Each structure stands twice: as C-alpha cells, then as structure tokens.
Amino acid sequence: MADILLPSKISEVESSVSPEPQRRRPAPKRARPRPELPLDDEIQAWSKPVQPVEDLDSLARRYPRRKVSLSSERKPMEFYDTPERPKAFSMDSLEFFFLIAQYFREALPLRVILLMIACQKAGGQIRLTQEEMSTVLDVHRGKINEALGEVMSHGIVFKVRRGVYQFNPPYSYRVAEFIPGTELVEAEYVQVDQDKTLAKIRKDESLPQLVRFPSLEHMREAIEELRKKRAEERAERRLARAQRQEEGTAQ
C-alpha cells in the first residue's frame, strides 16, 4: 500500500525544489604555472612564455647574469648646418658664457670668442689667421690683434702656430666632426676625446699656468671689483648732486 503524503510533507518537498533550473557552477580556474626563463639555453628562451615582469629591478634580481636595459627611439637632433659642416656643434660651458658676458665690456672680444667657437675642428683647434678674422668680422686687423690678445691673456685660447689656435677644453670643445668626401677623397669621421687634449696641454710646461690649469676665479674677482668701483662712483655722483641742490636752495 503506497504511503500517503501528509500536507506538511508536501509543503516541505515543494519548498526544497527550486522553480528555476539549477545552473552548474563553473569550476574555479587554476592558474597555469608559467615556465621560468631558462638560464642556460638562450635559444630555448625565445620559444617559451615567461612570467610577467613588474619592473626591471625584479627582473635583474631573477637573472643576475643577464644585462637588462630599456631604451626608446632617439629623435634626430635639430641643428642648423651646411653641407660642408653637417650637424657641427661644440660642447660649451654655460658658466664660461655667463662670466664672459659680464666681464668683457666691449663687444669685439665676445665676437672673437664666438667666431673661434664656430670655427673649431675636432679637438678644439681653430685654423684662422688674423686677416681671416678681420675679414669675417669686418674689423681692422689691429683691433682684432688687441681683442685676441685680451682673450688669450685669460687662458681661453692659446696660439699653437701661425694661423692655428687652440680653445681651452674646459671652456669650449668640439669632440668630433664629419668631413664629407669628394670624388677623390672618402668621407671621414674624426673624434678626439677631451681627456686626451687636456692631458697633452697639461704636460706642456711652455704654456702659461692659466692655460694648463684654467680657472675662471680671476674673472669672478674682477667682476666683483668692477661692481664695487661702479657702486662707489654712483654714490659719489649722488652725493655731489645732493650738495649742488643744497647750495642752490641756500642761495
């Protein structure tokens, strides 16, 4: 005889059965282990995935025997140039420019310095005669001789031989230059490192001390002395003007 379900049993069964069909819950995904980068087989490393890298420091610690570097695409340098002097530029001391702009009261020494910077060859040599300087700057040669002598007295440049001067490397220096070729001569790239030129200059005992061991301190001191003198002159003029005004009111 079949069992008779009581109403209370029927309600319990109905409550336990959901009106919507049950969905199968997806099993949790297991993280697939990523193989480590082989330390000894470089060819095998290209065909296997590696673990994600958080930063270069962590990568360097994981593989201490490998060199890790990160670089970006370099943009071309923008410089005005000519076919005879392509991408020609020099390394210049900003402190040097700052001081000579204050020190030299006349324009010609500054113009001579700029001309010599523009005409540097690799290694800091300037192949210019005084006649050529006077032609380029449109100044009498006697004036060029005076301005050049003043510039040389501070150890900024020195004479190597007739028509050849040397810029002192700590002030301005051209490391390299590209010499375009012709039908008869191949193009040439010349590079002269600064330390080699400095060593050569310092070994030459015939050169002045200010050339062998350059310093801008004397220029700084001269600038301060000039400023003090000009301040005293302005104070004297103000005092004289005040005295004249007093005398005028007294009359």
C-alpha atoms as a PDB file:
ATOM      1  CA  MET A   1       0.000   0.000   0.000  1.00  0.00           C
ATOM      2  CA  ALA A   2       1.511   3.251  -1.042  1.00  0.00           C
ATOM      3  CA  ASP A   3       2.457   5.777   1.599  1.00  0.00           C
ATOM      4  CA  ILE A   4       0.064   8.698   1.918  1.00  0.00           C
ATOM      5  CA  LEU A   5       1.858  12.067   1.971  1.00  0.00           C
ATOM      6  CA  LEU A   6       0.618  14.398   4.575  1.00  0.00           C
ATOM      7  CA  PRO A   7       0.096  18.083   3.648  1.00  0.00           C
ATOM      8  CA  SER A   8       3.020  19.082   5.842  1.00  0.00           C
ATOM      9  CA  LYS A   9       5.321  16.690   3.964  1.00  0.00           C
ATOM     10  CA  ILE A  10       4.106  18.010   0.605  1.00  0.00           C
ATOM     11  CA  SER A  11       4.917  21.613   1.574  1.00  0.00           C
ATOM     12  CA  GLU A  12       8.433  20.618   2.705  1.00  0.00           C
ATOM     13  CA  VAL A  13       9.087  18.903  -0.620  1.00  0.00           C
ATOM     14  CA  GLU A  14       7.805  21.882  -2.629  1.00  0.00           C
ATOM     15  CA  SER A  15       9.932  24.326  -0.683  1.00  0.00           C
ATOM     16  CA  SER A  16      13.066  22.294  -1.281  1.00  0.00           C
ATOM     17  CA  VAL A  17      12.544  22.220  -5.050  1.00  0.00           C
ATOM     18  CA  SER A  18      13.509  25.497  -6.832  1.00  0.00           C
ATOM     19  CA  PRO A  19      11.154  26.646  -9.611  1.00  0.00           C
ATOM     20  CA  GLU A  20      14.193  27.643 -11.773  1.00  0.00           C
ATOM     21  CA  PRO A  21      16.528  25.051 -13.222  1.00  0.00           C
ATOM     22  CA  GLN A  22      19.815  24.814 -11.361  1.00  0.00           C
ATOM     23  CA  ARG A  23      22.898  26.081 -13.195  1.00  0.00           C
ATOM     24  CA  ARG A  24      26.131  24.278 -12.957  1.00  0.00           C
ATOM     25  CA  ARG A  25      28.716  26.464 -11.278  1.00  0.00           C
ATOM     26  CA  PRO A  26      31.932  26.726 -13.265  1.00  0.00           C
ATOM     27  CA  ALA A  27      34.888  25.160 -11.612  1.00  0.00           C
ATOM     28  CA  PRO A  28      37.492  27.670 -10.426  1.00  0.00           C
ATOM     29  CA  LYS A  29      40.237  28.193 -12.962  1.00  0.00           C
ATOM     30  CA  ARG A  30      43.560  27.002 -11.826  1.00  0.00           C
ATOM     31  CA  ALA A  31      46.482  29.298 -12.558  1.00  0.00           C
ATOM     32  CA  ARG A  32      48.645  27.619 -15.113  1.00  0.00           C
ATOM     33  CA  PRO A  33      52.213  27.809 -13.994  1.00  0.00           C
ATOM     34  CA  ARG A  34      54.396  29.799 -16.379  1.00  0.00           C
ATOM     35  CA  PRO A  35      57.771  28.285 -17.024  1.00  0.00           C
ATOM     36  CA  GLU A  36      60.786  30.227 -15.839  1.00  0.00           C
ATOM     37  CA  LEU A  37      63.158  31.684 -18.384  1.00  0.00           C
ATOM     38  CA  PRO A  38      65.903  29.108 -18.984  1.00  0.00           C
ATOM     39  CA  LEU A  39      69.106  30.422 -17.522  1.00  0.00           C
ATOM     40  CA  ASP A  40      71.494  28.449 -19.693  1.00  0.00           C
ATOM     41  CA  ASP A  41      69.706  27.920 -23.009  1.00  0.00           C
ATOM     42  CA  GLU A  42      69.280  31.251 -24.863  1.00  0.00           C
ATOM     43  CA  ILE A  43      67.708  29.638 -27.940  1.00  0.00           C
ATOM     44  CA  GLN A  44      65.062  27.880 -25.875  1.00  0.00           C
ATOM     45  CA  ALA A  45      64.170  31.136 -24.129  1.00  0.00           C
ATOM     46  CA  TRP A  46      62.654  32.611 -27.306  1.00  0.00           C
ATOM     47  CA  SER A  47      60.050  29.815 -27.668  1.00  0.00           C
ATOM     48  CA  LYS A  48      58.732  29.741 -24.094  1.00  0.00           C
ATOM     49  CA  PRO A  49      56.486  32.237 -22.304  1.00  0.00           C
ATOM     50  CA  VAL A  50      57.835  33.945 -19.238  1.00  0.00           C
ATOM     51  CA  GLN A  51      56.284  35.316 -16.103  1.00  0.00           C
ATOM     52  CA  PRO A  52      55.087  38.930 -16.245  1.00  0.00           C
ATOM     53  CA  VAL A  53      57.707  41.471 -15.159  1.00  0.00           C
ATOM     54  CA  GLU A  54      56.731  44.143 -12.650  1.00  0.00           C
ATOM     55  CA  ASP A  55      59.881  46.219 -13.004  1.00  0.00           C
ATOM     56  CA  LEU A  56      63.416  45.920 -14.300  1.00  0.00           C
ATOM     57  CA  ASP A  57      64.869  45.594 -10.796  1.00  0.00           C
ATOM     58  CA  SER A  58      62.933  42.411 -10.079  1.00  0.00           C
ATOM     59  CA  LEU A  59      63.941  41.018 -13.481  1.00  0.00           C
ATOM     60  CA  ALA A  60      67.591  41.817 -12.823  1.00  0.00           C
ATOM     61  CA  ARG A  61      67.434  40.048  -9.459  1.00  0.00           C
ATOM     62  CA  ARG A  62      65.886  36.949 -11.047  1.00  0.00           C
ATOM     63  CA  TYR A  63      68.549  36.751 -13.754  1.00  0.00           C
ATOM     64  CA  PRO A  64      71.705  38.302 -12.311  1.00  0.00           C
ATOM     65  CA  ARG A  65      73.950  37.097 -15.142  1.00  0.00           C
ATOM     66  CA  ARG A  66      71.985  38.925 -17.844  1.00  0.00           C
ATOM     67  CA  LYS A  67      72.259  42.578 -18.797  1.00  0.00           C
ATOM     68  CA  VAL A  68      68.904  44.333 -18.597  1.00  0.00           C
ATOM     69  CA  SER A  69      68.334  47.629 -20.403  1.00  0.00           C
ATOM     70  CA  LEU A  70      65.428  49.649 -21.729  1.00  0.00           C
ATOM     71  CA  SER A  71      65.752  52.295 -24.404  1.00  0.00           C
ATOM     72  CA  SER A  72      63.487  54.384 -26.590  1.00  0.00           C
ATOM     73  CA  GLU A  73      63.784  55.545 -30.161  1.00  0.00           C
ATOM     74  CA  ARG A  74      66.086  58.519 -30.425  1.00  0.00           C
ATOM     75  CA  LYS A  75      64.817  61.568 -32.226  1.00  0.00           C
ATOM     76  CA  PRO A  76      67.129  63.309 -34.705  1.00  0.00           C
ATOM     77  CA  MET A  77      68.952  66.333 -33.319  1.00  0.00           C
ATOM     78  CA  GLU A  78      67.830  69.620 -34.838  1.00  0.00           C
ATOM     79  CA  PHE A  79      70.766  71.882 -35.677  1.00  0.00           C
ATOM     80  CA  TYR A  80      71.290  74.381 -38.434  1.00  0.00           C
ATOM     81  CA  ASP A  81      74.132  73.172 -40.581  1.00  0.00           C
ATOM     82  CA  THR A  82      75.642  73.323 -44.049  1.00  0.00           C
ATOM     83  CA  PRO A  83      76.731  70.562 -46.447  1.00  0.00           C
ATOM     84  CA  GLU A  84      80.351  71.403 -45.625  1.00  0.00           C
ATOM     85  CA  ARG A  85      79.720  71.244 -41.856  1.00  0.00           C
ATOM     86  CA  PRO A  86      76.841  68.794 -41.273  1.00  0.00           C
ATOM     87  CA  LYS A  87      75.497  68.619 -37.704  1.00  0.00           C
ATOM     88  CA  ALA A  88      78.538  70.511 -36.415  1.00  0.00           C
ATOM     89  CA  PHE A  89      78.336  71.668 -32.793  1.00  0.00           C
ATOM     90  CA  SER A  90      80.562  72.003 -29.734  1.00  0.00           C
ATOM     91  CA  MET A  91      80.309  71.401 -26.001  1.00  0.00           C
ATOM     92  CA  ASP A  92      80.356  74.730 -24.185  1.00  0.00           C
ATOM     93  CA  SER A  93      80.497  75.666 -20.503  1.00  0.00           C
ATOM     94  CA  LEU A  94      77.435  77.690 -19.505  1.00  0.00           C
ATOM     95  CA  GLU A  95      79.385  79.170 -16.578  1.00  0.00           C
ATOM     96  CA  PHE A  96      82.016  80.331 -19.057  1.00  0.00           C
ATOM     97  CA  PHE A  97      79.378  82.099 -21.187  1.00  0.00           C
ATOM     98  CA  PHE A  98      77.788  83.600 -18.075  1.00  0.00           C
ATOM     99  CA  LEU A  99      81.069  85.141 -16.890  1.00  0.00           C
ATOM    100  CA  ILE A 100      82.433  86.447 -20.193  1.00  0.00           C
ATOM    101  CA  ALA A 101      79.098  88.187 -20.820  1.00  0.00           C
ATOM    102  CA  GLN A 102      79.674  90.123 -17.577  1.00  0.00           C
ATOM    103  CA  TYR A 103      83.437  90.547 -17.793  1.00  0.00           C
ATOM    104  CA  PHE A 104      84.081  91.901 -21.287  1.00  0.00           C
ATOM    105  CA  ARG A 105      82.794  95.460 -21.535  1.00  0.00           C
ATOM    106  CA  GLU A 106      83.449  95.685 -25.274  1.00  0.00           C
ATOM    107  CA  ALA A 107      81.706  93.617 -27.937  1.00  0.00           C
ATOM    108  CA  LEU A 108      84.724  92.691 -30.055  1.00  0.00           C
ATOM    109  CA  PRO A 109      86.346  90.171 -27.642  1.00  0.00           C
ATOM    110  CA  LEU A 110      82.994  88.407 -27.364  1.00  0.00           C
ATOM    111  CA  ARG A 111      82.638  88.347 -31.147  1.00  0.00           C
ATOM    112  CA  VAL A 112      86.139  86.877 -31.483  1.00  0.00           C
ATOM    113  CA  ILE A 113      85.289  84.143 -28.946  1.00  0.00           C
ATOM    114  CA  LEU A 114      82.067  83.245 -30.760  1.00  0.00           C
ATOM    115  CA  LEU A 115      83.862  83.146 -34.109  1.00  0.00           C
ATOM    116  CA  MET A 116      86.514  80.803 -32.737  1.00  0.00           C
ATOM    117  CA  ILE A 117      83.863  78.522 -31.224  1.00  0.00           C
ATOM    118  CA  ALA A 118      82.124  78.366 -34.605  1.00  0.00           C
ATOM    119  CA  CYS A 119      85.366  77.508 -36.434  1.00  0.00           C
ATOM    120  CA  GLN A 120      86.593  74.735 -34.141  1.00  0.00           C
ATOM    121  CA  LYS A 121      87.793  71.464 -35.555  1.00  0.00           C
ATOM    122  CA  ALA A 122      87.655  68.141 -33.738  1.00  0.00           C
ATOM    123  CA  GLY A 123      89.991  68.512 -30.773  1.00  0.00           C
ATOM    124  CA  GLY A 124      89.316  72.232 -30.305  1.00  0.00           C
ATOM    125  CA  GLN A 125      91.748  73.661 -32.852  1.00  0.00           C
ATOM    126  CA  ILE A 126      90.875  76.819 -34.802  1.00  0.00           C
ATOM    127  CA  ARG A 127      92.582  77.340 -38.138  1.00  0.00           C
ATOM    128  CA  LEU A 128      92.140  81.053 -38.700  1.00  0.00           C
ATOM    129  CA  THR A 129      94.584  83.837 -39.393  1.00  0.00           C
ATOM    130  CA  GLN A 130      94.033  87.331 -38.042  1.00  0.00           C
ATOM    131  CA  GLU A 131      93.435  88.508 -41.613  1.00  0.00           C
ATOM    132  CA  GLU A 132      90.614  85.990 -41.967  1.00  0.00           C
ATOM    133  CA  MET A 133      89.155  87.063 -38.612  1.00  0.00           C
ATOM    134  CA  SER A 134      89.209  90.699 -39.640  1.00  0.00           C
ATOM    135  CA  THR A 135      87.505  89.832 -42.952  1.00  0.00           C
ATOM    136  CA  VAL A 136      84.746  87.761 -41.326  1.00  0.00           C
ATOM    137  CA  LEU A 137      84.060  90.295 -38.553  1.00  0.00           C
ATOM    138  CA  ASP A 138      84.624  93.314 -40.820  1.00  0.00           C
ATOM    139  CA  VAL A 139      87.032  94.894 -38.324  1.00  0.00           C
ATOM    140  CA  HIS A 140      90.510  96.339 -38.801  1.00  0.00           C
ATOM    141  CA  ARG A 141      93.250  93.794 -38.168  1.00  0.00           C
ATOM    142  CA  GLY A 142      94.779  95.975 -35.437  1.00  0.00           C
ATOM    143  CA  LYS A 143      91.546  95.794 -33.468  1.00  0.00           C
ATOM    144  CA  ILE A 144      91.468  92.016 -33.949  1.00  0.00           C
ATOM    145  CA  ASN A 145      95.015  91.754 -32.610  1.00  0.00           C
ATOM    146  CA  GLU A 146      94.068  93.707 -29.465  1.00  0.00           C
ATOM    147  CA  ALA A 147      90.869  91.715 -28.833  1.00  0.00           C
ATOM    148  CA  LEU A 148      92.594  88.394 -29.463  1.00  0.00           C
ATOM    149  CA  GLY A 149      95.422  89.338 -27.096  1.00  0.00           C
ATOM    150  CA  GLU A 150      92.892  90.121 -24.361  1.00  0.00           C
ATOM    151  CA  VAL A 151      91.105  86.815 -24.897  1.00  0.00           C
ATOM    152  CA  MET A 152      94.380  84.886 -24.830  1.00  0.00           C
ATOM    153  CA  SER A 153      95.519  86.630 -21.630  1.00  0.00           C
ATOM    154  CA  HIS A 154      92.730  84.822 -19.736  1.00  0.00           C
ATOM    155  CA  GLY A 155      93.748  81.374 -20.957  1.00  0.00           C
ATOM    156  CA  ILE A 156      90.617  80.987 -23.079  1.00  0.00           C
ATOM    157  CA  VAL A 157      92.611  80.192 -26.222  1.00  0.00           C
ATOM    158  CA  PHE A 158      96.316  79.938 -26.971  1.00  0.00           C
ATOM    159  CA  LYS A 159      98.368  80.061 -30.120  1.00  0.00           C
ATOM    160  CA  VAL A 160      99.734  76.769 -31.477  1.00  0.00           C
ATOM    161  CA  ARG A 161     101.445  78.254 -34.522  1.00  0.00           C
ATOM    162  CA  ARG A 162     100.715  80.921 -37.103  1.00  0.00           C
ATOM    163  CA  GLY A 163      97.076  80.704 -38.121  1.00  0.00           C
ATOM    164  CA  VAL A 164      96.284  77.880 -35.661  1.00  0.00           C
ATOM    165  CA  TYR A 165      94.839  78.412 -32.188  1.00  0.00           C
ATOM    166  CA  GLN A 166      93.601  76.006 -29.538  1.00  0.00           C
ATOM    167  CA  PHE A 167      90.463  76.503 -27.451  1.00  0.00           C
ATOM    168  CA  ASN A 168      90.894  75.534 -23.817  1.00  0.00           C
ATOM    169  CA  PRO A 169      88.771  72.348 -23.463  1.00  0.00           C
ATOM    170  CA  PRO A 170      87.012  73.220 -20.151  1.00  0.00           C
ATOM    171  CA  TYR A 171      85.503  76.320 -21.796  1.00  0.00           C
ATOM    172  CA  SER A 172      84.532  75.051 -25.244  1.00  0.00           C
ATOM    173  CA  TYR A 173      85.383  71.827 -27.036  1.00  0.00           C
ATOM    174  CA  ARG A 174      84.389  70.033 -30.212  1.00  0.00           C
ATOM    175  CA  VAL A 175      84.697  66.286 -29.741  1.00  0.00           C
ATOM    176  CA  ALA A 176      84.037  65.078 -33.273  1.00  0.00           C
ATOM    177  CA  GLU A 177      83.360  66.216 -36.803  1.00  0.00           C
ATOM    178  CA  PHE A 178      82.247  64.636 -40.044  1.00  0.00           C
ATOM    179  CA  ILE A 179      84.340  65.545 -43.063  1.00  0.00           C
ATOM    180  CA  PRO A 180      82.324  64.994 -46.261  1.00  0.00           C
ATOM    181  CA  GLY A 181      84.010  63.085 -49.027  1.00  0.00           C
ATOM    182  CA  THR A 182      84.622  64.031 -52.637  1.00  0.00           C
ATOM    183  CA  GLU A 183      85.242  62.113 -55.840  1.00  0.00           C
ATOM    184  CA  LEU A 184      88.876  61.703 -54.849  1.00  0.00           C
ATOM    185  CA  VAL A 185      88.700  61.569 -51.029  1.00  0.00           C
ATOM    186  CA  GLU A 186      86.435  59.378 -48.926  1.00  0.00           C
ATOM    187  CA  ALA A 187      84.294  60.831 -46.157  1.00  0.00           C
ATOM    188  CA  GLU A 188      85.889  60.777 -42.713  1.00  0.00           C
ATOM    189  CA  TYR A 189      84.590  60.914 -39.154  1.00  0.00           C
ATOM    190  CA  VAL A 190      87.163  62.364 -36.736  1.00  0.00           C
ATOM    191  CA  GLN A 191      86.822  62.097 -32.960  1.00  0.00           C
ATOM    192  CA  VAL A 192      89.232  63.448 -30.334  1.00  0.00           C
ATOM    193  CA  ASP A 193      88.249  62.825 -26.708  1.00  0.00           C
ATOM    194  CA  GLN A 194      88.549  65.765 -24.339  1.00  0.00           C
ATOM    195  CA  ASP A 195      90.722  63.978 -21.766  1.00  0.00           C
ATOM    196  CA  LYS A 196      93.434  63.342 -24.368  1.00  0.00           C
ATOM    197  CA  THR A 197      93.609  67.025 -25.300  1.00  0.00           C
ATOM    198  CA  LEU A 198      93.660  68.065 -21.635  1.00  0.00           C
ATOM    199  CA  ALA A 199      96.500  65.662 -20.862  1.00  0.00           C
ATOM    200  CA  LYS A 200      98.521  66.990 -23.780  1.00  0.00           C
ATOM    201  CA  ILE A 201      98.023  70.620 -22.704  1.00  0.00           C
ATOM    202  CA  ARG A 202      98.919  69.971 -19.055  1.00  0.00           C
ATOM    203  CA  LYS A 203     102.133  68.194 -19.986  1.00  0.00           C
ATOM    204  CA  ASP A 204     103.350  71.200 -21.999  1.00  0.00           C
ATOM    205  CA  GLU A 205     105.301  73.259 -19.451  1.00  0.00           C
ATOM    206  CA  SER A 206     105.962  76.005 -22.008  1.00  0.00           C
ATOM    207  CA  LEU A 207     102.319  77.095 -21.769  1.00  0.00           C
ATOM    208  CA  PRO A 208     101.145  79.609 -19.132  1.00  0.00           C
ATOM    209  CA  GLN A 209      99.708  78.255 -15.894  1.00  0.00           C
ATOM    210  CA  LEU A 210      96.323  79.765 -16.684  1.00  0.00           C
ATOM    211  CA  VAL A 211      96.262  77.669 -19.867  1.00  0.00           C
ATOM    212  CA  ARG A 212      97.484  74.429 -18.321  1.00  0.00           C
ATOM    213  CA  PHE A 213      95.233  74.769 -15.266  1.00  0.00           C
ATOM    214  CA  PRO A 214      92.362  77.035 -16.353  1.00  0.00           C
ATOM    215  CA  SER A 215      90.280  78.899 -13.798  1.00  0.00           C
ATOM    216  CA  LEU A 216      87.516  81.487 -14.019  1.00  0.00           C
ATOM    217  CA  GLU A 217      88.050  82.699 -10.459  1.00  0.00           C
ATOM    218  CA  HIS A 218      90.088  85.716 -11.555  1.00  0.00           C
ATOM    219  CA  MET A 219      87.190  86.786 -13.764  1.00  0.00           C
ATOM    220  CA  ARG A 220      84.739  86.470 -10.870  1.00  0.00           C
ATOM    221  CA  GLU A 221      87.006  88.591  -8.661  1.00  0.00           C
ATOM    222  CA  ALA A 222      87.451  91.202 -11.408  1.00  0.00           C
ATOM    223  CA  ILE A 223      83.672  91.400 -11.914  1.00  0.00           C
ATOM    224  CA  GLU A 224      83.096  91.977  -8.180  1.00  0.00           C
ATOM    225  CA  GLU A 225      85.818  94.634  -8.040  1.00  0.00           C
ATOM    226  CA  LEU A 226      84.306  96.407 -11.044  1.00  0.00           C
ATOM    227  CA  ARG A 227      80.849  96.351  -9.458  1.00  0.00           C
ATOM    228  CA  LYS A 228      82.186  97.810  -6.200  1.00  0.00           C
ATOM    229  CA  LYS A 229      84.011 100.549  -8.091  1.00  0.00           C
ATOM    230  CA  ARG A 230      80.920 101.418 -10.138  1.00  0.00           C
ATOM    231  CA  ALA A 231      78.772 101.468  -6.974  1.00  0.00           C
ATOM    232  CA  GLU A 232      81.235 103.879  -5.318  1.00  0.00           C
ATOM    233  CA  GLU A 233      81.187 106.127  -8.394  1.00  0.00           C
ATOM    234  CA  ARG A 234      77.380 106.194  -8.391  1.00  0.00           C
ATOM    235  CA  ALA A 235      77.362 107.055  -4.673  1.00  0.00           C
ATOM    236  CA  GLU A 236      79.811 109.930  -5.279  1.00  0.00           C
ATOM    237  CA  ARG A 237      77.653 111.286  -8.113  1.00  0.00           C
ATOM    238  CA  ARG A 238      74.532 111.160  -5.944  1.00  0.00           C
ATOM    239  CA  LEU A 239      76.340 112.975  -3.123  1.00  0.00           C
ATOM    240  CA  ALA A 240      77.647 115.680  -5.465  1.00  0.00           C
ATOM    241  CA  ARG A 241      74.163 116.146  -6.948  1.00  0.00           C
ATOM    242  CA  ALA A 242      72.643 116.498  -3.467  1.00  0.00           C
ATOM    243  CA  GLN A 243      75.273 119.088  -2.468  1.00  0.00           C
ATOM    244  CA  ARG A 244      74.576 121.163  -5.584  1.00  0.00           C
ATOM    245  CA  GLN A 245      70.858 121.113  -4.802  1.00  0.00           C
ATOM    246  CA  GLU A 246      71.527 122.301  -1.221  1.00  0.00           C
ATOM    247  CA  GLU A 247      73.739 125.113  -2.453  1.00  0.00           C
ATOM    248  CA  GLY A 248      71.052 126.179  -4.909  1.00  0.00           C
ATOM    249  CA  THR A 249      68.324 126.328  -2.252  1.00  0.00           C
ATOM    250  CA  ALA A 250      70.629 128.238   0.138  1.00  0.00           C
ATOM    251  CA  GLN A 251      71.116 130.999  -2.429  1.00  0.00           C
END
